[in-house]
Amino acid sequence: MNSTIFLSAFSLYILFLIGLGWWVSRKQHTGEDFLLAGRGLPLLLLMGTTVATMVGTGSSIGAVGFGYENGWAGTLYGIGGATGILLAAWWFAPVREYRFMTMSEELSYYTGASRVVKNVVGLLIFLACVGWLGAHILGGGMYLAWVVDIDITVAKVIIALGFSIYIVIGGYRAVVWTDTIQVIVLFFGFILMVILAIKQSGGWDAMIAVQNVENISFLGIQKTGGLHAISLAVVIAVGVLATPSFRQRIYSSESVSAARKSFIWSGGIYLLFSFIPALIGMAAFAMNPELDNRNFAFPFLAIEVLPLSIGVIVLIAGLSATMSSASSDAIAGVTILMRDIYVIFKGEIPPREKVVFYSRIALVVVIAFALLMALTSDDIITYITNMIAMVMSGMFTCGLLGRFWPRFNWQGAMGAIIGGFLASLAVLLTDGGNEYWGNPIIPSLVVSITAGYFGSILTPESKISPAAARKILDDERERMESVSRILE
């Protein structure tokens, strides 16, 4: 592919997103506007941004590469993600009523507004956001390096700069609108690619005929193994349920109903989409079974097989998947930084006249930190699954037990977080542990839930009622959510 043509088209696309981000955020005045779009997102925008975030790096480059190597197992990523978002609609959409800003605030509420839980979870969630953001930069960098034949480090830097500009300018409102535009582009590109890829591989029968027998078994289970397949689906579902950017969709929605309906529709759409990456990967395998790196299956098809004009569209669609998810995780990380971590070190909420200014600086810092993490890895699925199991299984447990078990307390929360982390670490450090389990999520969840339960029942029950806990958090948040105009 002519790199000049692609870079020109990509640059124009980025300029369009920057212009859109500026236009939709012109009336942005408060920290709540910048970080949560004024808590008034309607159903269609919520659907657009949720689907765009779900169809991210893992389900584009990662799942296509997984389908290249494991056939129908490439659908497991989508099945896990759809399960996670549908459970989030059922379990957590009602928390919109509590006006939380961050997931750490929510988990603190479940434990009597515990400052310990809020601080620890705030730090962990911030690291999780940076971890997700790093995965998106990693994926986008691999795309770009392959397409224009540049050093992958340079490519990662270009991707980080590409999405950071419109976020810094427009905040969360820009993220939502650009996500909605990008999801249209990426769906069009992916559907077009799967149709043409199957055709170029000789048609359906020819594509299936050259696959390994294990790869075309039900969900590729004969290739991956049943335990590995379950582990992959579970780790992605847990990732959705414990990822701050999805909770932020709930907090920023105009109502509980809008949040729930958008998640249900998004889950259904994503479940249908889950088969597309697997098919693209299988088509790539049919045309070239000798790729050095499975993660290059998607750009290989776009560059080597498709006509130039269509290839450019498809590659931009792939980068849209990366950037839409990256922008969401970046703004979620900054919200946590402003609402939670700032308080840890300063002892108070940022002054309302400084929130937007501080948030823009924090975005630059967060993206730079994620870029550093992305420079240390070259395998997307491994990066994502290990990061989720170690950092997020405990947060999932805290959300689940806290939401439905009134006896849950701060000691149980800390037990869940520490237990999940140690179990994951033990699997990763044990010879053959990861090979046996596929990833650490199952033992991590078992230990985390067990530790959360016994940590709660063996220690005193919290004396702070839910109403009192909510008032503590509401009072702390009040200064940041002022409707006064931000002074520039």
Protein backbone atom coordinates (compact mmCIF):
# COMPACT_ATOMS: atom_id res chain seq x y z
CA MET A 1 0.00 0.00 0.00
CA ASN A 2 1.16 3.50 -0.76
CA SER A 3 2.04 4.87 2.68
CA THR A 4 1.61 8.48 1.56
CA ILE A 5 -1.99 7.86 0.51
CA PHE A 6 -2.82 6.11 3.77
CA LEU A 7 -1.15 8.70 6.00
CA SER A 8 -2.91 11.49 4.11
CA ALA A 9 -6.29 9.83 4.53
CA PHE A 10 -5.61 9.05 8.19
CA SER A 11 -4.49 12.64 8.87
CA LEU A 12 -7.68 14.02 7.32
CA TYR A 13 -9.71 11.63 9.45
CA ILE A 14 -7.93 12.79 12.63
CA LEU A 15 -8.47 16.44 11.69
CA PHE A 16 -12.17 15.72 11.24
CA LEU A 17 -12.33 14.13 14.71
CA ILE A 18 -10.49 17.09 16.24
CA GLY A 19 -12.92 19.51 14.61
CA LEU A 20 -15.90 17.47 15.77
CA GLY A 21 -14.53 17.30 19.31
CA TRP A 22 -14.09 21.06 19.43
CA TRP A 23 -17.55 21.74 18.01
CA VAL A 24 -19.52 19.53 20.41
CA SER A 25 -17.69 20.82 23.48
CA ARG A 26 -17.97 24.57 22.88
CA LYS A 27 -20.40 25.10 25.79
CA GLN A 28 -18.39 23.10 28.26
CA HIS A 29 -18.13 25.01 31.54
CA THR A 30 -17.72 22.70 34.53
CA GLY A 31 -15.60 19.77 35.62
CA GLU A 32 -18.71 17.60 35.37
CA ASP A 33 -19.13 18.73 31.76
CA PHE A 34 -15.53 17.87 30.89
CA LEU A 35 -15.41 14.52 32.70
CA LEU A 36 -19.01 13.23 32.44
CA ALA A 37 -20.62 15.25 29.63
CA GLY A 38 -22.98 16.87 32.14
CA ARG A 39 -24.58 13.51 33.05
CA GLY A 40 -27.09 13.88 30.23
CA LEU A 41 -26.13 11.37 27.54
CA PRO A 42 -29.17 10.00 25.65
CA LEU A 43 -29.71 6.42 24.53
CA LEU A 44 -28.27 6.68 21.00
CA LEU A 45 -25.04 8.38 22.05
CA LEU A 46 -24.62 5.90 24.90
CA MET A 47 -25.02 3.02 22.45
CA GLY A 48 -22.56 4.56 20.02
CA THR A 49 -19.84 5.13 22.59
CA THR A 50 -20.40 1.77 24.35
CA VAL A 51 -20.20 -0.29 21.16
CA ALA A 52 -17.18 1.70 19.97
CA THR A 53 -15.39 0.99 23.24
CA MET A 54 -16.25 -2.71 23.11
CA VAL A 55 -15.08 -3.08 19.51
CA GLY A 56 -11.61 -2.04 20.51
CA THR A 57 -8.10 -3.32 20.08
CA GLY A 58 -8.76 -6.75 21.54
CA SER A 59 -11.76 -7.50 19.34
CA SER A 60 -10.11 -6.14 16.20
CA ILE A 61 -6.39 -6.93 16.05
CA GLY A 62 -6.41 -9.32 19.00
CA ALA A 63 -9.49 -11.37 18.10
CA VAL A 64 -8.62 -11.46 14.38
CA GLY A 65 -5.15 -12.75 15.26
CA PHE A 66 -6.67 -15.26 17.66
CA GLY A 67 -9.04 -16.40 14.89
CA TYR A 68 -6.09 -16.71 12.49
CA GLU A 69 -4.41 -19.14 14.87
CA ASN A 70 -7.43 -20.81 16.49
CA GLY A 71 -10.34 -20.51 14.05
CA TRP A 72 -13.78 -20.16 15.60
CA ALA A 73 -12.15 -19.52 18.99
CA GLY A 74 -11.83 -15.94 17.76
CA THR A 75 -15.51 -15.50 18.69
CA LEU A 76 -14.78 -16.07 22.39
CA TYR A 77 -13.65 -12.50 22.85
CA GLY A 78 -17.00 -11.20 21.59
CA ILE A 79 -19.03 -13.74 23.54
CA GLY A 80 -17.25 -12.79 26.76
CA GLY A 81 -17.65 -9.07 26.08
CA ALA A 82 -21.36 -9.40 25.26
CA THR A 83 -21.94 -11.42 28.43
CA GLY A 84 -20.16 -8.79 30.50
CA ILE A 85 -22.10 -5.82 29.12
CA LEU A 86 -25.46 -7.60 29.48
CA LEU A 87 -24.69 -8.47 33.10
CA ALA A 88 -23.63 -4.86 33.68
CA ALA A 89 -27.03 -3.72 32.38
CA TRP A 90 -28.79 -6.03 34.81
CA TRP A 91 -26.59 -5.58 37.87
CA PHE A 92 -25.17 -2.06 37.77
CA ALA A 93 -27.35 0.26 35.66
CA PRO A 94 -29.35 1.24 38.81
CA VAL A 95 -26.28 2.87 40.40
CA ARG A 96 -26.89 5.82 38.04
CA GLU A 97 -29.24 7.11 40.76
CA TYR A 98 -26.35 7.64 43.18
CA ARG A 99 -24.51 10.20 40.99
CA PHE A 100 -21.11 8.56 41.36
CA MET A 101 -18.25 9.96 39.32
CA THR A 102 -15.85 7.03 39.55
CA MET A 103 -15.93 3.31 40.19
CA SER A 104 -13.78 3.74 43.29
CA GLU A 105 -16.44 6.06 44.69
CA GLU A 106 -19.05 3.38 44.00
CA LEU A 107 -17.04 0.60 45.67
CA SER A 108 -16.32 2.87 48.63
CA TYR A 109 -20.07 3.42 49.04
CA TYR A 110 -20.63 -0.33 49.39
CA THR A 111 -18.21 -0.40 52.34
CA GLY A 112 -19.54 2.54 54.34
CA ALA A 113 -17.69 5.24 52.39
CA SER A 114 -14.41 3.65 53.49
CA ARG A 115 -11.50 5.96 52.74
CA VAL A 116 -9.14 2.97 52.62
CA VAL A 117 -11.19 1.25 49.92
CA LYS A 118 -11.64 4.46 47.98
CA ASN A 119 -7.92 5.22 47.97
CA VAL A 120 -6.69 1.72 47.20
CA VAL A 121 -9.30 1.08 44.53
CA GLY A 122 -8.69 4.51 43.05
CA LEU A 123 -5.02 3.70 42.57
CA LEU A 124 -5.75 0.24 41.15
CA ILE A 125 -8.43 1.48 38.78
CA PHE A 126 -6.13 4.21 37.59
CA LEU A 127 -3.52 1.58 36.78
CA ALA A 128 -6.20 -0.52 35.05
CA CYS A 129 -7.20 2.44 32.88
CA VAL A 130 -3.61 3.05 31.97
CA GLY A 131 -3.23 -0.67 31.26
CA TRP A 132 -6.20 -0.71 28.89
CA LEU A 133 -4.98 2.47 27.26
CA GLY A 134 -1.56 0.89 26.79
CA ALA A 135 -3.18 -2.09 25.06
CA HIS A 136 -4.92 0.22 22.59
CA ILE A 137 -1.71 2.11 21.85
CA LEU A 138 0.07 -1.21 21.40
CA GLY A 139 -2.55 -2.44 18.94
CA GLY A 140 -2.74 0.78 16.98
CA GLY A 141 1.03 1.00 16.80
CA MET A 142 1.25 -2.52 15.38
CA TYR A 143 -1.31 -1.56 12.75
CA LEU A 144 0.49 1.57 11.72
CA ALA A 145 3.98 0.04 11.73
CA TRP A 146 2.82 -2.71 9.37
CA VAL A 147 0.90 -0.39 7.06
CA VAL A 148 3.51 2.31 6.47
CA ASP A 149 6.64 0.29 7.30
CA ILE A 150 7.97 2.44 10.13
CA ASP A 151 9.54 1.59 13.46
CA ILE A 152 6.88 0.30 15.85
CA THR A 153 7.98 2.69 18.61
CA VAL A 154 7.41 5.65 16.30
CA ALA A 155 4.06 4.17 15.28
CA LYS A 156 2.92 3.89 18.90
CA VAL A 157 3.82 7.52 19.52
CA ILE A 158 1.84 8.61 16.45
CA ILE A 159 -1.24 6.67 17.61
CA ALA A 160 -1.02 8.17 21.10
CA LEU A 161 -0.82 11.67 19.66
CA GLY A 162 -3.62 10.94 17.18
CA PHE A 163 -6.37 10.40 19.75
CA SER A 164 -4.99 12.55 22.56
CA ILE A 165 -5.51 15.88 20.78
CA TYR A 166 -9.29 15.76 20.46
CA ILE A 167 -9.69 14.39 24.01
CA VAL A 168 -7.61 17.17 25.53
CA ILE A 169 -9.64 19.74 23.59
CA GLY A 170 -13.12 18.37 24.13
CA GLY A 171 -13.12 16.04 27.13
CA TYR A 172 -15.76 13.34 27.57
CA ARG A 173 -18.34 14.96 25.31
CA ALA A 174 -15.81 14.84 22.46
CA VAL A 175 -15.11 11.20 23.29
CA VAL A 176 -18.77 10.27 23.07
CA TRP A 177 -19.42 12.01 19.76
CA THR A 178 -16.22 10.85 18.10
CA ASP A 179 -16.90 7.31 19.35
CA THR A 180 -20.32 7.37 17.71
CA ILE A 181 -18.84 8.49 14.39
CA GLN A 182 -16.04 5.95 14.65
CA VAL A 183 -18.37 3.04 15.35
CA ILE A 184 -20.12 3.72 12.04
CA VAL A 185 -16.78 3.74 10.24
CA LEU A 186 -15.48 0.60 11.89
CA PHE A 187 -18.66 -1.44 11.38
CA PHE A 188 -18.75 -0.49 7.72
CA GLY A 189 -15.06 -1.35 7.35
CA PHE A 190 -15.22 -4.68 9.19
CA ILE A 191 -18.32 -5.91 7.37
CA LEU A 192 -16.86 -4.90 4.03
CA MET A 193 -13.62 -6.65 4.88
CA VAL A 194 -15.17 -9.96 5.92
CA ILE A 195 -17.23 -10.13 2.73
CA LEU A 196 -14.26 -9.39 0.46
CA ALA A 197 -11.83 -11.54 2.46
CA ILE A 198 -14.01 -14.64 2.17
CA LYS A 199 -14.43 -13.99 -1.53
CA GLN A 200 -10.69 -13.51 -2.05
CA SER A 201 -9.90 -16.72 -0.18
CA GLY A 202 -11.93 -18.69 -2.71
CA GLY A 203 -15.33 -18.63 -1.06
CA TRP A 204 -16.73 -20.14 2.13
CA ASP A 205 -16.07 -23.81 1.31
CA ALA A 206 -12.49 -23.13 0.20
CA MET A 207 -11.78 -21.06 3.31
CA ILE A 208 -13.11 -23.73 5.67
CA ALA A 209 -11.38 -26.56 3.81
CA VAL A 210 -7.86 -25.27 4.54
CA GLN A 211 -8.42 -24.73 8.27
CA ASN A 212 -7.02 -27.14 10.80
CA VAL A 213 -9.71 -29.59 11.90
CA GLU A 214 -9.51 -28.41 15.51
CA ASN A 215 -10.00 -24.78 14.46
CA ILE A 216 -13.41 -25.37 12.92
CA SER A 217 -14.81 -27.24 15.92
CA PHE A 218 -17.49 -25.56 18.02
CA LEU A 219 -15.93 -22.27 19.19
CA GLY A 220 -12.52 -23.80 18.42
CA ILE A 221 -12.64 -25.70 21.71
CA GLN A 222 -10.77 -28.69 20.27
CA LYS A 223 -7.86 -26.33 19.53
CA THR A 224 -7.80 -24.18 22.65
CA GLY A 225 -9.19 -26.70 25.13
CA GLY A 226 -12.36 -26.26 27.15
CA LEU A 227 -10.68 -24.67 30.17
CA HIS A 228 -8.76 -22.19 28.05
CA ALA A 229 -11.92 -21.24 26.14
CA ILE A 230 -13.87 -20.65 29.35
CA SER A 231 -10.97 -18.67 30.83
CA LEU A 232 -10.79 -16.36 27.81
CA ALA A 233 -14.54 -15.69 27.76
CA VAL A 234 -14.63 -15.15 31.53
CA VAL A 235 -11.64 -12.82 31.61
CA ILE A 236 -13.17 -10.60 28.94
CA ALA A 237 -16.56 -10.56 30.72
CA VAL A 238 -14.87 -9.63 34.00
CA GLY A 239 -12.90 -6.97 32.16
CA VAL A 240 -16.12 -5.31 30.99
CA LEU A 241 -17.75 -5.58 34.42
CA ALA A 242 -14.74 -4.08 36.18
CA THR A 243 -13.51 -1.60 33.58
CA PRO A 244 -14.06 2.01 34.72
CA SER A 245 -14.88 3.31 31.23
CA PHE A 246 -18.04 1.16 31.07
CA ARG A 247 -19.12 2.29 34.54
CA GLN A 248 -18.58 5.86 33.36
CA ARG A 249 -21.23 5.26 30.69
CA ILE A 250 -23.69 4.52 33.48
CA TYR A 251 -22.69 7.54 35.56
CA SER A 252 -22.95 9.90 32.58
CA SER A 253 -26.29 8.63 31.22
CA GLU A 254 -29.43 10.73 31.47
CA SER A 255 -31.27 7.99 33.38
CA VAL A 256 -31.14 4.40 34.63
CA SER A 257 -33.38 3.39 31.74
CA ALA A 258 -31.06 4.93 29.14
CA ALA A 259 -28.03 3.21 30.65
CA ARG A 260 -29.74 -0.19 30.80
CA LYS A 261 -31.24 -0.05 27.32
CA SER A 262 -27.98 1.12 25.75
CA PHE A 263 -26.08 -1.76 27.35
CA ILE A 264 -28.67 -4.34 26.28
CA TRP A 265 -28.65 -3.13 22.68
CA SER A 266 -24.86 -2.88 22.71
CA GLY A 267 -24.53 -6.43 24.03
CA GLY A 268 -26.76 -7.79 21.29
CA ILE A 269 -24.90 -5.91 18.56
CA TYR A 270 -21.54 -7.00 19.94
CA LEU A 271 -22.62 -10.64 20.12
CA LEU A 272 -23.49 -10.55 16.41
CA PHE A 273 -20.19 -8.79 15.69
CA SER A 274 -18.20 -11.47 17.55
CA PHE A 275 -18.17 -13.79 14.53
CA ILE A 276 -16.64 -11.20 12.18
CA PRO A 277 -13.09 -11.14 13.65
CA ALA A 278 -12.94 -14.95 13.63
CA LEU A 279 -14.00 -15.04 9.98
CA ILE A 280 -11.45 -12.39 9.02
CA GLY A 281 -8.72 -14.33 10.79
CA MET A 282 -9.69 -17.59 9.11
CA ALA A 283 -9.74 -15.90 5.70
CA ALA A 284 -6.28 -14.49 6.34
CA PHE A 285 -5.05 -17.97 7.28
CA ALA A 286 -6.52 -19.39 4.08
CA MET A 287 -4.56 -16.87 2.01
CA ASN A 288 -1.32 -16.90 4.00
CA PRO A 289 -0.82 -19.54 6.70
CA GLU A 290 2.81 -18.48 7.24
CA LEU A 291 2.50 -15.06 8.91
CA ASP A 292 5.28 -14.49 11.45
CA ASN A 293 2.93 -12.73 13.88
CA ARG A 294 -0.76 -13.59 14.13
CA ASN A 295 -1.56 -10.00 15.14
CA PHE A 296 -0.69 -8.90 11.59
CA ALA A 297 -3.55 -10.93 10.08
CA PHE A 298 -5.90 -7.96 9.85
CA PRO A 299 -3.51 -5.45 8.24
CA PHE A 300 -2.19 -8.22 5.97
CA LEU A 301 -5.62 -8.58 4.37
CA ALA A 302 -6.12 -4.84 4.08
CA ILE A 303 -2.75 -4.28 2.43
CA GLU A 304 -2.10 -7.38 0.37
CA VAL A 305 -5.57 -8.48 -0.68
CA LEU A 306 -8.03 -5.61 -0.84
CA PRO A 307 -8.10 -2.87 -3.50
CA LEU A 308 -6.32 0.33 -2.42
CA SER A 309 -9.42 2.44 -1.80
CA ILE A 310 -11.16 -0.28 0.21
CA GLY A 311 -7.96 -1.16 2.07
CA VAL A 312 -7.57 2.43 3.24
CA ILE A 313 -11.15 2.47 4.55
CA VAL A 314 -10.70 -0.86 6.33
CA LEU A 315 -7.43 0.13 7.95
CA ILE A 316 -8.91 3.40 9.16
CA ALA A 317 -11.80 1.36 10.56
CA GLY A 318 -9.32 -0.76 12.49
CA LEU A 319 -7.59 2.31 13.84
CA SER A 320 -11.02 3.74 14.73
CA ALA A 321 -11.59 0.70 16.93
CA THR A 322 -8.30 1.36 18.68
CA MET A 323 -8.77 5.10 19.12
CA SER A 324 -12.39 4.96 20.27
CA SER A 325 -11.53 2.56 23.06
CA ALA A 326 -8.35 4.44 23.93
CA SER A 327 -10.12 7.76 24.26
CA SER A 328 -12.69 6.26 26.63
CA ASP A 329 -10.08 4.71 28.89
CA ALA A 330 -8.03 7.91 28.88
CA ILE A 331 -10.92 10.07 30.08
CA ALA A 332 -11.93 7.45 32.66
CA GLY A 333 -8.39 7.43 34.03
CA VAL A 334 -8.33 11.21 34.29
CA THR A 335 -11.70 11.28 36.08
CA ILE A 336 -10.27 8.92 38.69
CA LEU A 337 -7.13 11.02 38.92
CA MET A 338 -9.17 14.20 39.53
CA ARG A 339 -11.84 12.72 41.79
CA ASP A 340 -9.86 10.18 43.82
CA ILE A 341 -6.09 10.28 43.51
CA TYR A 342 -5.88 14.07 43.78
CA VAL A 343 -7.67 13.78 47.13
CA ILE A 344 -5.19 11.18 48.38
CA PHE A 345 -2.29 13.56 48.01
CA LYS A 346 -3.98 16.94 48.52
CA GLY A 347 -6.67 16.01 51.03
CA GLU A 348 -9.41 17.78 49.08
CA ILE A 349 -11.24 17.92 45.75
CA PRO A 350 -9.60 20.15 43.10
CA PRO A 351 -11.00 23.72 43.15
CA ARG A 352 -13.81 24.00 40.63
CA GLU A 353 -12.11 26.80 38.70
CA LYS A 354 -9.12 24.51 38.03
CA VAL A 355 -10.77 21.18 37.19
CA VAL A 356 -10.78 21.53 33.40
CA PHE A 357 -7.24 22.90 33.32
CA TYR A 358 -5.92 20.16 35.62
CA SER A 359 -7.81 17.51 33.65
CA ARG A 360 -6.17 18.52 30.40
CA ILE A 361 -2.73 18.32 31.96
CA ALA A 362 -3.61 14.96 33.51
CA LEU A 363 -4.70 13.59 30.13
CA VAL A 364 -1.25 14.27 28.71
CA VAL A 365 0.37 12.56 31.70
CA VAL A 366 -1.93 9.52 31.58
CA ILE A 367 -1.43 8.96 27.85
CA ALA A 368 2.34 9.32 28.22
CA PHE A 369 2.34 6.76 31.05
CA ALA A 370 0.28 4.33 28.97
CA LEU A 371 2.62 4.79 26.03
CA LEU A 372 5.55 3.75 28.22
CA MET A 373 3.68 0.58 29.22
CA ALA A 374 2.81 -0.18 25.59
CA LEU A 375 6.48 -0.09 24.62
CA THR A 376 7.13 -3.19 26.78
CA SER A 377 4.79 -5.69 25.06
CA ASP A 378 4.02 -7.08 21.62
CA ASP A 379 1.13 -9.52 22.19
CA ILE A 380 -2.29 -7.96 22.73
CA ILE A 381 -4.36 -10.87 24.06
CA THR A 382 -1.69 -11.92 26.59
CA TYR A 383 -1.24 -8.31 27.68
CA ILE A 384 -4.97 -7.78 28.23
CA THR A 385 -5.82 -11.09 29.92
CA ASN A 386 -2.96 -11.02 32.42
CA MET A 387 -3.61 -7.37 33.27
CA ILE A 388 -7.33 -8.03 33.89
CA ALA A 389 -6.71 -11.05 36.10
CA MET A 390 -4.13 -9.33 38.27
CA VAL A 391 -5.69 -5.89 38.66
CA MET A 392 -9.41 -6.25 38.03
CA SER A 393 -10.66 -9.54 39.47
CA GLY A 394 -10.68 -8.06 42.97
CA MET A 395 -12.58 -4.99 41.81
CA PHE A 396 -15.15 -7.20 40.11
CA THR A 397 -15.63 -9.07 43.40
CA CYS A 398 -16.02 -5.81 45.33
CA GLY A 399 -18.67 -4.60 42.90
CA LEU A 400 -20.59 -7.87 42.92
CA LEU A 401 -20.54 -8.52 46.68
CA GLY A 402 -21.01 -4.86 47.55
CA ARG A 403 -24.00 -4.48 45.25
CA PHE A 404 -25.91 -7.50 46.53
CA TRP A 405 -24.58 -8.33 50.02
CA PRO A 406 -25.14 -5.70 52.75
CA ARG A 407 -22.67 -7.44 55.11
CA PHE A 408 -19.74 -6.62 52.82
CA ASN A 409 -17.23 -4.31 54.53
CA TRP A 410 -13.87 -2.68 53.91
CA GLN A 411 -11.93 -5.63 55.32
CA GLY A 412 -13.68 -7.94 52.88
CA ALA A 413 -12.95 -5.55 50.03
CA MET A 414 -9.24 -5.49 50.83
CA GLY A 415 -9.22 -9.27 51.15
CA ALA A 416 -10.87 -9.60 47.73
CA ILE A 417 -8.39 -7.23 46.07
CA ILE A 418 -5.27 -8.73 47.67
CA GLY A 419 -6.49 -12.32 47.26
CA GLY A 420 -7.23 -11.89 43.57
CA PHE A 421 -3.86 -10.28 42.92
CA LEU A 422 -1.88 -12.94 44.79
CA ALA A 423 -3.76 -15.79 43.11
CA SER A 424 -3.04 -14.31 39.69
CA LEU A 425 0.60 -13.80 40.57
CA ALA A 426 0.89 -17.39 41.79
CA VAL A 427 -0.49 -18.75 38.50
CA LEU A 428 1.84 -16.58 36.44
CA LEU A 429 4.91 -17.53 38.50
CA THR A 430 4.16 -21.26 38.69
CA ASP A 431 5.74 -23.40 36.00
CA GLY A 432 2.95 -24.47 33.67
CA GLY A 433 0.33 -22.45 35.57
CA ASN A 434 -0.67 -20.17 32.74
CA GLU A 435 -0.37 -23.01 30.25
CA TYR A 436 -2.86 -25.07 32.28
CA TRP A 437 -5.43 -22.34 33.00
CA GLY A 438 -5.05 -20.27 29.84
CA ASN A 439 -4.93 -17.14 32.01
CA PRO A 440 -5.21 -16.62 35.79
CA ILE A 441 -8.82 -15.37 35.90
CA ILE A 442 -10.59 -18.48 37.24
CA PRO A 443 -8.32 -19.11 40.27
CA SER A 444 -8.11 -15.36 40.79
CA LEU A 445 -11.90 -15.02 41.00
CA VAL A 446 -12.28 -18.06 43.28
CA VAL A 447 -9.70 -16.77 45.74
CA SER A 448 -10.96 -13.19 45.51
CA ILE A 449 -14.60 -14.08 46.23
CA THR A 450 -13.60 -16.44 49.05
CA ALA A 451 -11.34 -13.84 50.65
CA GLY A 452 -14.02 -11.15 50.25
CA TYR A 453 -16.62 -13.32 51.95
CA PHE A 454 -14.53 -14.49 54.91
CA GLY A 455 -12.87 -11.10 55.29
CA SER A 456 -16.35 -9.62 55.83
CA ILE A 457 -17.93 -12.20 58.12
CA LEU A 458 -14.86 -12.53 60.36
CA THR A 459 -14.63 -8.77 61.03
CA PRO A 460 -17.07 -6.25 62.56
CA GLU A 461 -19.97 -5.07 60.41
CA SER A 462 -19.78 -1.48 59.18
CA LYS A 463 -21.61 0.95 61.47
CA ILE A 464 -22.19 3.48 58.69
CA SER A 465 -25.55 3.06 56.96
CA PRO A 466 -25.89 3.26 53.16
CA ALA A 467 -27.67 6.61 53.53
CA ALA A 468 -24.85 8.00 55.69
CA ALA A 469 -22.22 6.67 53.30
CA ARG A 470 -23.96 8.32 50.39
CA LYS A 471 -24.10 11.65 52.22
CA ILE A 472 -20.37 11.51 52.96
CA LEU A 473 -19.59 10.99 49.29
CA ASP A 474 -22.17 13.54 48.13
CA ASP A 475 -20.72 16.23 50.41
CA GLU A 476 -17.18 15.52 49.18
CA ARG A 477 -18.28 15.69 45.56
CA GLU A 478 -20.31 18.86 45.88
CA ARG A 479 -17.48 21.29 45.25
CA MET A 480 -16.41 19.52 42.06
CA GLU A 481 -19.93 19.35 40.64
CA SER A 482 -20.73 23.03 41.06
CA VAL A 483 -22.73 24.45 38.21
CA SER A 484 -20.72 27.66 38.38
CA ARG A 485 -18.89 28.58 35.20
CA ILE A 486 -15.27 27.52 35.13
CA LEU A 487 -12.87 30.45 35.11
CA GLU A 488 -10.37 30.24 32.30
